[in-house]
């Protein structure tokens, strides 16, 4: 209760949320070069800060699956329907990860899959706000994004197998990069 009288606690929730967002986007590289989720410490300062952070969906939109499936599910839930920016490098539970991506495809803005995926059927979902897509070492389904990705303007495919027809149906593509490193 004493803290409530400090100047920092008189800041409006919107300003506090913006400060949290700046803290989140400030890179902090821990030992071994791994990015850490240290910004989440703001949720442990006090009840008000926790509530402000939990009520601000934009804080939870930068998903990566490297912290485990349960954590990723929690981040997706906290993001509500805010646009998601995903970078995926999973190796285990790929099927569950694919199902999670499929369930949230309607609000994924960028999707980077930097791993070989054997089952890419989850990519046959409409992606209404997807703008950028990167895929590595995988086979692209014939009906990529169910031919419904009206905002997709950039695609990068690295060592992927695909049919040209799946890309031709994505009419808004401005930049396509196809890289084949296997000879």
Protein backbone atom coordinates (compact mmCIF):
# COMPACT_ATOMS: atom_id res chain seq x y z
CA UNK A 1 0.00 0.00 0.00
CA UNK A 2 2.89 2.39 0.69
CA UNK A 3 4.08 2.02 -2.90
CA UNK A 4 0.79 3.41 -4.21
CA UNK A 5 1.95 6.90 -3.20
CA UNK A 6 5.17 6.77 -5.24
CA UNK A 7 5.19 8.72 -8.53
CA UNK A 8 5.68 5.58 -10.67
CA UNK A 9 2.44 4.17 -9.33
CA UNK A 10 0.49 7.25 -10.38
CA UNK A 11 1.30 6.67 -14.06
CA UNK A 12 -1.75 5.80 -16.15
CA UNK A 13 -1.95 2.13 -17.12
CA UNK A 14 -1.55 2.99 -20.81
CA UNK A 15 1.80 4.73 -20.19
CA UNK A 16 2.98 1.90 -17.99
CA UNK A 17 2.05 -0.62 -20.70
CA UNK A 18 4.06 1.39 -23.25
CA UNK A 19 7.08 1.32 -20.93
CA UNK A 20 6.68 -2.45 -20.58
CA UNK A 21 6.55 -2.77 -24.38
CA UNK A 22 9.78 -0.78 -24.75
CA UNK A 23 11.39 -3.00 -22.13
CA UNK A 24 10.24 -6.07 -24.06
CA UNK A 25 11.69 -4.88 -27.36
CA UNK A 26 15.04 -3.94 -25.85
CA UNK A 27 17.26 -6.92 -26.64
CA UNK A 28 19.00 -8.56 -23.75
CA UNK A 29 21.40 -11.27 -24.74
CA UNK A 30 22.25 -13.66 -21.98
CA UNK A 31 25.22 -15.99 -21.88
CA UNK A 32 25.49 -18.37 -24.85
CA UNK A 33 23.67 -15.76 -26.99
CA UNK A 34 20.19 -16.91 -26.01
CA UNK A 35 17.56 -14.24 -25.78
CA UNK A 36 15.86 -14.35 -22.41
CA UNK A 37 12.38 -13.33 -21.31
CA UNK A 38 13.67 -11.11 -18.53
CA UNK A 39 11.10 -8.40 -19.37
CA UNK A 40 8.45 -10.63 -17.80
CA UNK A 41 9.87 -9.66 -14.41
CA UNK A 42 7.54 -6.63 -14.52
CA UNK A 43 4.68 -9.05 -13.81
CA UNK A 44 6.32 -9.86 -10.46
CA UNK A 45 6.80 -6.30 -9.12
CA UNK A 46 3.32 -5.73 -7.73
CA UNK A 47 -0.30 -6.59 -8.35
CA UNK A 48 -1.01 -3.48 -10.44
CA UNK A 49 1.97 -3.97 -12.73
CA UNK A 50 1.05 -7.61 -13.19
CA UNK A 51 -2.51 -6.68 -14.10
CA UNK A 52 -1.39 -3.96 -16.51
CA UNK A 53 0.99 -6.40 -18.24
CA UNK A 54 -1.60 -9.18 -18.43
CA UNK A 55 -4.24 -6.79 -19.79
CA UNK A 56 -1.96 -5.49 -22.56
CA UNK A 57 -2.16 -8.06 -25.39
CA UNK A 58 0.63 -6.49 -27.45
CA UNK A 59 3.17 -7.55 -24.83
CA UNK A 60 2.46 -11.20 -25.61
CA UNK A 61 2.53 -11.20 -29.42
CA UNK A 62 6.17 -12.11 -30.06
CA UNK A 63 5.95 -15.86 -29.81
CA UNK A 64 8.66 -18.38 -30.09
CA UNK A 65 8.31 -22.01 -29.25
CA UNK A 66 11.72 -22.34 -27.60
CA UNK A 67 10.28 -21.98 -24.10
CA UNK A 68 7.97 -24.97 -24.47
CA UNK A 69 4.47 -25.63 -25.66
CA UNK A 70 2.72 -24.66 -22.40
CA UNK A 71 4.44 -21.28 -22.29
CA UNK A 72 3.60 -20.68 -25.96
CA UNK A 73 -0.06 -21.52 -25.32
CA UNK A 74 -0.08 -19.07 -22.41
CA UNK A 75 1.46 -16.32 -24.54
CA UNK A 76 -1.13 -16.93 -27.26
CA UNK A 77 -3.93 -16.73 -24.70
CA UNK A 78 -2.54 -13.48 -23.27
CA UNK A 79 -2.19 -11.98 -26.75
CA UNK A 80 -5.94 -12.41 -27.23
CA UNK A 81 -6.49 -11.59 -30.92
CA UNK A 82 -3.62 -9.10 -31.36
CA UNK A 83 -1.45 -9.81 -34.43
CA UNK A 84 1.19 -12.46 -33.71
CA UNK A 85 4.83 -12.42 -34.81
CA UNK A 86 6.08 -16.00 -34.65
CA UNK A 87 9.50 -17.52 -35.07
CA UNK A 88 9.50 -21.28 -34.75
CA UNK A 89 12.51 -23.54 -34.37
CA UNK A 90 10.93 -26.55 -32.74
CA UNK A 91 12.27 -30.06 -32.83
CA UNK A 92 9.87 -31.92 -30.54
CA UNK A 93 6.08 -31.97 -30.44
CA UNK A 94 5.90 -30.60 -33.96
CA UNK A 95 2.38 -31.93 -34.44
CA UNK A 96 1.09 -30.10 -31.33
CA UNK A 97 2.91 -26.93 -32.41
CA UNK A 98 1.33 -27.18 -35.86
CA UNK A 99 -2.11 -27.56 -34.30
CA UNK A 100 -1.48 -24.47 -32.15
CA UNK A 101 -0.39 -22.42 -35.16
CA UNK A 102 -3.41 -23.65 -37.11
CA UNK A 103 -5.76 -22.51 -34.33
CA UNK A 104 -4.23 -19.01 -34.37
CA UNK A 105 -3.54 -18.57 -38.10
CA UNK A 106 -6.32 -15.96 -38.28
CA UNK A 107 -4.16 -13.47 -36.35
CA UNK A 108 -0.59 -14.33 -37.35
CA UNK A 109 1.12 -11.39 -39.07
CA UNK A 110 4.59 -12.92 -39.58
CA UNK A 111 5.47 -16.59 -39.56
CA UNK A 112 9.03 -17.89 -39.68
CA UNK A 113 9.50 -21.67 -39.56
CA UNK A 114 13.23 -22.35 -39.31
CA UNK A 115 13.08 -26.11 -39.03
CA UNK A 116 12.32 -29.15 -41.12
CA UNK A 117 8.63 -30.01 -40.82
CA UNK A 118 7.24 -33.25 -42.14
CA UNK A 119 3.56 -32.40 -41.66
CA UNK A 120 2.76 -28.95 -43.04
CA UNK A 121 -0.99 -29.38 -43.38
CA UNK A 122 -1.50 -26.68 -40.75
CA UNK A 123 -0.30 -24.26 -43.46
CA UNK A 124 -3.43 -25.01 -45.50
CA UNK A 125 -5.45 -22.62 -43.29
CA UNK A 126 -6.54 -19.16 -44.43
CA UNK A 127 -4.12 -16.50 -43.18
CA UNK A 128 -6.05 -13.24 -43.48
CA UNK A 129 -3.44 -10.91 -41.94
CA UNK A 130 -0.21 -12.79 -42.74
CA UNK A 131 2.29 -10.39 -44.35
CA UNK A 132 5.59 -12.27 -44.22
CA UNK A 133 6.34 -15.99 -44.40
CA UNK A 134 9.63 -17.91 -44.14
CA UNK A 135 9.88 -21.69 -44.43
CA UNK A 136 12.93 -23.93 -44.33
CA UNK A 137 13.46 -27.61 -45.25
CA UNK A 138 9.82 -28.52 -45.74
CA UNK A 139 7.22 -29.42 -48.30
CA UNK A 140 4.62 -26.77 -48.96
CA UNK A 141 1.03 -27.99 -49.19
CA UNK A 142 -0.67 -27.56 -52.57
CA UNK A 143 -3.26 -25.27 -51.07
CA UNK A 144 -0.92 -22.95 -49.13
CA UNK A 145 -2.99 -20.79 -46.76
CA UNK A 146 -6.10 -22.14 -48.54
CA UNK A 147 -5.18 -19.61 -51.26
CA UNK A 148 -6.41 -16.94 -48.83
CA UNK A 149 -3.57 -14.72 -47.69
CA UNK A 150 -4.59 -11.31 -49.05
CA UNK A 151 -1.87 -9.36 -47.20
CA UNK A 152 1.03 -11.74 -47.85
CA UNK A 153 3.65 -9.73 -49.70
CA UNK A 154 6.88 -11.54 -48.79
CA UNK A 155 7.80 -15.24 -48.88
CA UNK A 156 11.17 -16.87 -48.41
CA UNK A 157 11.55 -20.59 -49.07
CA UNK A 158 14.81 -22.30 -48.17
CA UNK A 159 15.35 -25.87 -49.38
CA UNK A 160 11.61 -26.43 -49.78
CA UNK A 161 9.69 -28.55 -52.24
CA UNK A 162 6.61 -26.94 -53.69
CA UNK A 163 4.42 -26.56 -56.72
CA UNK A 164 4.62 -23.21 -58.52
CA UNK A 165 0.83 -23.18 -58.68
CA UNK A 166 0.62 -22.77 -54.89
CA UNK A 167 2.61 -19.53 -55.14
CA UNK A 168 0.83 -18.25 -58.24
CA UNK A 169 -2.48 -18.29 -56.38
CA UNK A 170 -1.06 -15.87 -53.79
CA UNK A 171 -1.56 -12.81 -55.96
CA UNK A 172 -0.26 -10.14 -53.59
CA UNK A 173 3.27 -11.51 -53.30
CA UNK A 174 5.75 -8.75 -54.07
CA UNK A 175 8.94 -10.45 -52.90
CA UNK A 176 9.65 -14.16 -53.28
CA UNK A 177 13.02 -15.61 -52.37
CA UNK A 178 13.72 -19.26 -53.20
CA UNK A 179 17.01 -20.60 -51.96
CA UNK A 180 18.28 -24.10 -52.66
CA UNK A 181 21.41 -24.94 -50.68
CA UNK A 182 21.28 -28.69 -51.38
CA UNK A 183 23.12 -29.78 -54.49
